[in-house]
Amino acid sequence: MAESVLVQTKVRPDQKEQAERIFHQAGLSMGDAIRIFLQQTINAGDIPFSITARKPSAKLLRAIAQDQSGEGKEYDTIAQMMADHAKA
């Protein structure tokens, strides 16, 4: 076996736990998953998946358009907003 090097990175605890659960279901350790990612990157000569920003939901896009058109409502407090939305 070829000599190996240590690769370290910091991630949020919840990210690590969630990823480990997924990897475990696939029969992989965290190290296995990272090695697979690295090899697939080498094989593809690129990131082996597309990296995209989260797209806003249709509801959010409608709310943004409504606000930008001047149709949005303004509230002084969250309580006022909640009361208005409870009527709807």
N, C-alpha and C. Protein backbone atom coordinates (compact mmCIF):
# COMPACT_ATOMS: atom_id res chain seq x y z
N MET A 1 0.85 -1.19 0.00
CA MET A 1 0.00 0.00 0.00
C MET A 1 0.89 1.25 0.00
N ALA A 2 0.47 2.23 -0.76
CA ALA A 2 1.24 3.47 -0.85
C ALA A 2 1.19 4.21 0.48
N GLU A 3 2.20 5.05 0.68
CA GLU A 3 2.23 5.89 1.88
C GLU A 3 1.01 6.79 1.88
N SER A 4 0.50 7.10 3.04
CA SER A 4 -0.68 7.96 3.12
C SER A 4 -0.35 9.22 3.91
N VAL A 5 -1.16 10.25 3.71
CA VAL A 5 -1.00 11.51 4.43
C VAL A 5 -2.30 11.79 5.16
N LEU A 6 -2.20 12.58 6.21
CA LEU A 6 -3.36 12.95 7.01
C LEU A 6 -3.97 14.22 6.44
N VAL A 7 -5.29 14.20 6.23
CA VAL A 7 -6.04 15.36 5.77
C VAL A 7 -7.02 15.70 6.87
N GLN A 8 -7.01 16.94 7.36
CA GLN A 8 -7.91 17.35 8.43
C GLN A 8 -8.73 18.55 8.00
N THR A 9 -9.95 18.61 8.50
CA THR A 9 -10.80 19.77 8.26
C THR A 9 -11.77 19.91 9.43
N LYS A 10 -12.30 21.09 9.60
CA LYS A 10 -13.29 21.31 10.65
C LYS A 10 -14.66 21.44 10.02
N VAL A 11 -15.64 20.78 10.62
CA VAL A 11 -17.03 20.86 10.19
C VAL A 11 -17.90 21.00 11.43
N ARG A 12 -19.13 21.45 11.22
CA ARG A 12 -20.06 21.56 12.34
C ARG A 12 -20.40 20.16 12.84
N PRO A 13 -20.59 20.00 14.15
CA PRO A 13 -20.92 18.68 14.70
C PRO A 13 -22.15 18.05 14.05
N ASP A 14 -23.19 18.86 13.77
CA ASP A 14 -24.40 18.30 13.17
C ASP A 14 -24.14 17.81 11.75
N GLN A 15 -23.27 18.48 11.00
CA GLN A 15 -22.92 18.02 9.66
C GLN A 15 -22.24 16.66 9.73
N LYS A 16 -21.30 16.55 10.65
CA LYS A 16 -20.56 15.30 10.81
C LYS A 16 -21.49 14.15 11.17
N GLU A 17 -22.37 14.38 12.12
CA GLU A 17 -23.29 13.33 12.57
C GLU A 17 -24.23 12.91 11.45
N GLN A 18 -24.79 13.88 10.74
CA GLN A 18 -25.72 13.55 9.65
C GLN A 18 -25.01 12.78 8.54
N ALA A 19 -23.82 13.24 8.17
CA ALA A 19 -23.07 12.57 7.12
C ALA A 19 -22.68 11.15 7.55
N GLU A 20 -22.25 11.00 8.79
CA GLU A 20 -21.85 9.67 9.27
C GLU A 20 -23.02 8.69 9.23
N ARG A 21 -24.23 9.17 9.56
CA ARG A 21 -25.41 8.29 9.49
C ARG A 21 -25.64 7.81 8.06
N ILE A 22 -25.52 8.74 7.11
CA ILE A 22 -25.72 8.38 5.71
C ILE A 22 -24.64 7.42 5.24
N PHE A 23 -23.39 7.71 5.58
CA PHE A 23 -22.30 6.84 5.18
C PHE A 23 -22.44 5.46 5.80
N HIS A 24 -22.85 5.40 7.06
CA HIS A 24 -23.03 4.12 7.75
C HIS A 24 -24.07 3.27 7.02
N GLN A 25 -25.16 3.91 6.57
CA GLN A 25 -26.20 3.17 5.84
C GLN A 25 -25.65 2.57 4.56
N ALA A 26 -24.64 3.22 3.99
CA ALA A 26 -24.01 2.71 2.77
C ALA A 26 -22.83 1.79 3.07
N GLY A 27 -22.58 1.53 4.36
CA GLY A 27 -21.47 0.67 4.75
C GLY A 27 -20.12 1.34 4.65
N LEU A 28 -20.11 2.67 4.74
CA LEU A 28 -18.87 3.43 4.61
C LEU A 28 -18.53 4.16 5.89
N SER A 29 -17.25 4.35 6.12
CA SER A 29 -16.80 5.23 7.19
C SER A 29 -16.64 6.63 6.60
N MET A 30 -16.43 7.60 7.46
CA MET A 30 -16.18 8.97 6.99
C MET A 30 -14.94 8.97 6.09
N GLY A 31 -13.90 8.28 6.52
CA GLY A 31 -12.66 8.20 5.73
C GLY A 31 -12.90 7.57 4.37
N ASP A 32 -13.70 6.49 4.33
CA ASP A 32 -14.03 5.85 3.05
C ASP A 32 -14.71 6.85 2.11
N ALA A 33 -15.69 7.58 2.65
CA ALA A 33 -16.44 8.53 1.83
C ALA A 33 -15.54 9.63 1.29
N ILE A 34 -14.64 10.12 2.13
CA ILE A 34 -13.71 11.16 1.68
C ILE A 34 -12.77 10.61 0.61
N ARG A 35 -12.26 9.40 0.80
CA ARG A 35 -11.38 8.80 -0.21
C ARG A 35 -12.12 8.61 -1.53
N ILE A 36 -13.39 8.20 -1.47
CA ILE A 36 -14.18 8.04 -2.70
C ILE A 36 -14.35 9.39 -3.39
N PHE A 37 -14.68 10.42 -2.60
CA PHE A 37 -14.83 11.76 -3.18
C PHE A 37 -13.54 12.19 -3.86
N LEU A 38 -12.41 12.01 -3.21
CA LEU A 38 -11.13 12.42 -3.79
C LEU A 38 -10.85 11.65 -5.09
N GLN A 39 -11.10 10.33 -5.08
CA GLN A 39 -10.83 9.54 -6.28
C GLN A 39 -11.77 9.92 -7.42
N GLN A 40 -13.03 10.17 -7.11
CA GLN A 40 -13.98 10.58 -8.15
C GLN A 40 -13.60 11.95 -8.72
N THR A 41 -13.08 12.84 -7.89
CA THR A 41 -12.61 14.14 -8.35
C THR A 41 -11.46 13.95 -9.33
N ILE A 42 -10.54 13.06 -8.98
CA ILE A 42 -9.41 12.78 -9.87
C ILE A 42 -9.91 12.15 -11.17
N ASN A 43 -10.81 11.17 -11.07
CA ASN A 43 -11.33 10.49 -12.26
C ASN A 43 -12.02 11.47 -13.21
N ALA A 44 -12.80 12.39 -12.64
CA ALA A 44 -13.56 13.34 -13.45
C ALA A 44 -12.70 14.52 -13.90
N GLY A 45 -11.61 14.77 -13.19
CA GLY A 45 -10.80 15.95 -13.48
C GLY A 45 -11.53 17.22 -13.11
N ASP A 46 -12.49 17.08 -12.20
CA ASP A 46 -13.34 18.20 -11.81
C ASP A 46 -14.11 17.77 -10.56
N ILE A 47 -14.87 18.69 -10.00
CA ILE A 47 -15.76 18.31 -8.90
C ILE A 47 -16.76 17.31 -9.47
N PRO A 48 -16.98 16.18 -8.83
CA PRO A 48 -17.82 15.14 -9.43
C PRO A 48 -19.33 15.36 -9.30
N PHE A 49 -19.74 16.55 -9.02
CA PHE A 49 -21.17 16.89 -8.97
C PHE A 49 -21.29 18.39 -9.15
N SER A 50 -22.49 18.84 -9.52
CA SER A 50 -22.66 20.28 -9.73
C SER A 50 -22.89 20.96 -8.38
N ILE A 51 -22.31 22.11 -8.24
CA ILE A 51 -22.46 22.90 -7.03
C ILE A 51 -23.36 24.08 -7.40
N THR A 52 -24.52 24.13 -6.78
CA THR A 52 -25.46 25.19 -7.09
C THR A 52 -25.96 25.83 -5.80
N ALA A 53 -26.35 27.07 -5.90
CA ALA A 53 -26.95 27.75 -4.76
C ALA A 53 -28.39 27.25 -4.63
N ARG A 54 -28.88 27.28 -3.42
CA ARG A 54 -30.28 26.92 -3.22
C ARG A 54 -31.15 27.90 -3.96
N LYS A 55 -32.14 27.39 -4.65
CA LYS A 55 -33.06 28.26 -5.37
C LYS A 55 -34.19 28.63 -4.43
N PRO A 56 -34.60 29.90 -4.46
CA PRO A 56 -35.70 30.31 -3.60
C PRO A 56 -37.00 29.64 -4.05
N SER A 57 -37.87 29.37 -3.10
CA SER A 57 -39.15 28.75 -3.41
C SER A 57 -40.02 29.69 -4.22
N ALA A 58 -41.02 29.13 -4.89
CA ALA A 58 -41.96 29.94 -5.67
C ALA A 58 -42.68 30.93 -4.77
N LYS A 59 -43.00 30.50 -3.55
CA LYS A 59 -43.69 31.37 -2.60
C LYS A 59 -42.82 32.58 -2.26
N LEU A 60 -41.53 32.34 -2.01
CA LEU A 60 -40.63 33.44 -1.69
C LEU A 60 -40.47 34.38 -2.88
N LEU A 61 -40.35 33.82 -4.08
CA LEU A 61 -40.22 34.66 -5.27
C LEU A 61 -41.46 35.54 -5.47
N ARG A 62 -42.66 34.98 -5.20
CA ARG A 62 -43.88 35.78 -5.30
C ARG A 62 -43.87 36.90 -4.27
N ALA A 63 -43.42 36.61 -3.05
CA ALA A 63 -43.38 37.62 -1.99
C ALA A 63 -42.38 38.73 -2.35
N ILE A 64 -41.26 38.37 -2.91
CA ILE A 64 -40.27 39.36 -3.31
C ILE A 64 -40.84 40.25 -4.42
N ALA A 65 -41.48 39.63 -5.41
CA ALA A 65 -42.08 40.39 -6.51
C ALA A 65 -43.17 41.33 -5.99
N GLN A 66 -43.97 40.83 -5.05
CA GLN A 66 -45.03 41.65 -4.47
C GLN A 66 -44.43 42.85 -3.75
N ASP A 67 -43.38 42.63 -3.00
CA ASP A 67 -42.73 43.72 -2.27
C ASP A 67 -42.12 44.74 -3.24
N GLN A 68 -41.44 44.24 -4.26
CA GLN A 68 -40.78 45.14 -5.20
C GLN A 68 -41.78 45.95 -6.03
N SER A 69 -42.99 45.43 -6.20
CA SER A 69 -44.00 46.15 -6.96
C SER A 69 -44.75 47.15 -6.10
N GLY A 70 -44.43 47.18 -4.80
CA GLY A 70 -45.09 48.11 -3.89
C GLY A 70 -46.37 47.58 -3.29
N GLU A 71 -46.69 46.32 -3.58
CA GLU A 71 -47.92 45.73 -3.06
C GLU A 71 -47.73 45.12 -1.67
N GLY A 72 -46.49 45.02 -1.22
CA GLY A 72 -46.22 44.41 0.08
C GLY A 72 -46.75 45.26 1.22
N LYS A 73 -46.97 44.63 2.36
CA LYS A 73 -47.45 45.33 3.55
C LYS A 73 -46.28 45.55 4.49
N GLU A 74 -46.36 46.63 5.25
CA GLU A 74 -45.36 46.90 6.28
C GLU A 74 -46.02 46.80 7.64
N TYR A 75 -45.29 46.28 8.60
CA TYR A 75 -45.79 46.11 9.96
C TYR A 75 -44.79 46.74 10.93
N ASP A 76 -45.32 47.23 12.03
CA ASP A 76 -44.45 47.80 13.07
C ASP A 76 -43.94 46.71 14.01
N THR A 77 -44.73 45.64 14.15
CA THR A 77 -44.33 44.56 15.05
C THR A 77 -44.63 43.21 14.42
N ILE A 78 -43.96 42.21 14.92
CA ILE A 78 -44.24 40.85 14.46
C ILE A 78 -45.65 40.44 14.85
N ALA A 79 -46.10 40.88 16.01
CA ALA A 79 -47.45 40.56 16.47
C ALA A 79 -48.50 41.06 15.47
N GLN A 80 -48.30 42.27 14.94
CA GLN A 80 -49.23 42.81 13.94
C GLN A 80 -49.23 41.94 12.68
N MET A 81 -48.05 41.56 12.25
CA MET A 81 -47.95 40.72 11.06
C MET A 81 -48.64 39.38 11.29
N MET A 82 -48.37 38.76 12.43
CA MET A 82 -48.96 37.46 12.73
C MET A 82 -50.49 37.55 12.79
N ALA A 83 -50.99 38.63 13.39
CA ALA A 83 -52.45 38.82 13.50
C ALA A 83 -53.04 38.97 12.10
N ASP A 84 -52.38 39.72 11.23
CA ASP A 84 -52.87 39.91 9.87
C ASP A 84 -52.87 38.60 9.10
N HIS A 85 -51.84 37.81 9.26
CA HIS A 85 -51.73 36.54 8.54
C HIS A 85 -52.69 35.50 9.10
N ALA A 86 -53.05 35.62 10.36
CA ALA A 86 -54.00 34.69 10.96
C ALA A 86 -55.40 34.90 10.37
N LYS A 87 -55.68 36.12 9.91
CA LYS A 87 -56.97 36.43 9.30
C LYS A 87 -57.10 35.80 7.91
N ALA A 88 -55.98 35.62 7.26
CA ALA A 88 -55.97 35.13 5.87
C ALA A 88 -56.33 33.67 5.76
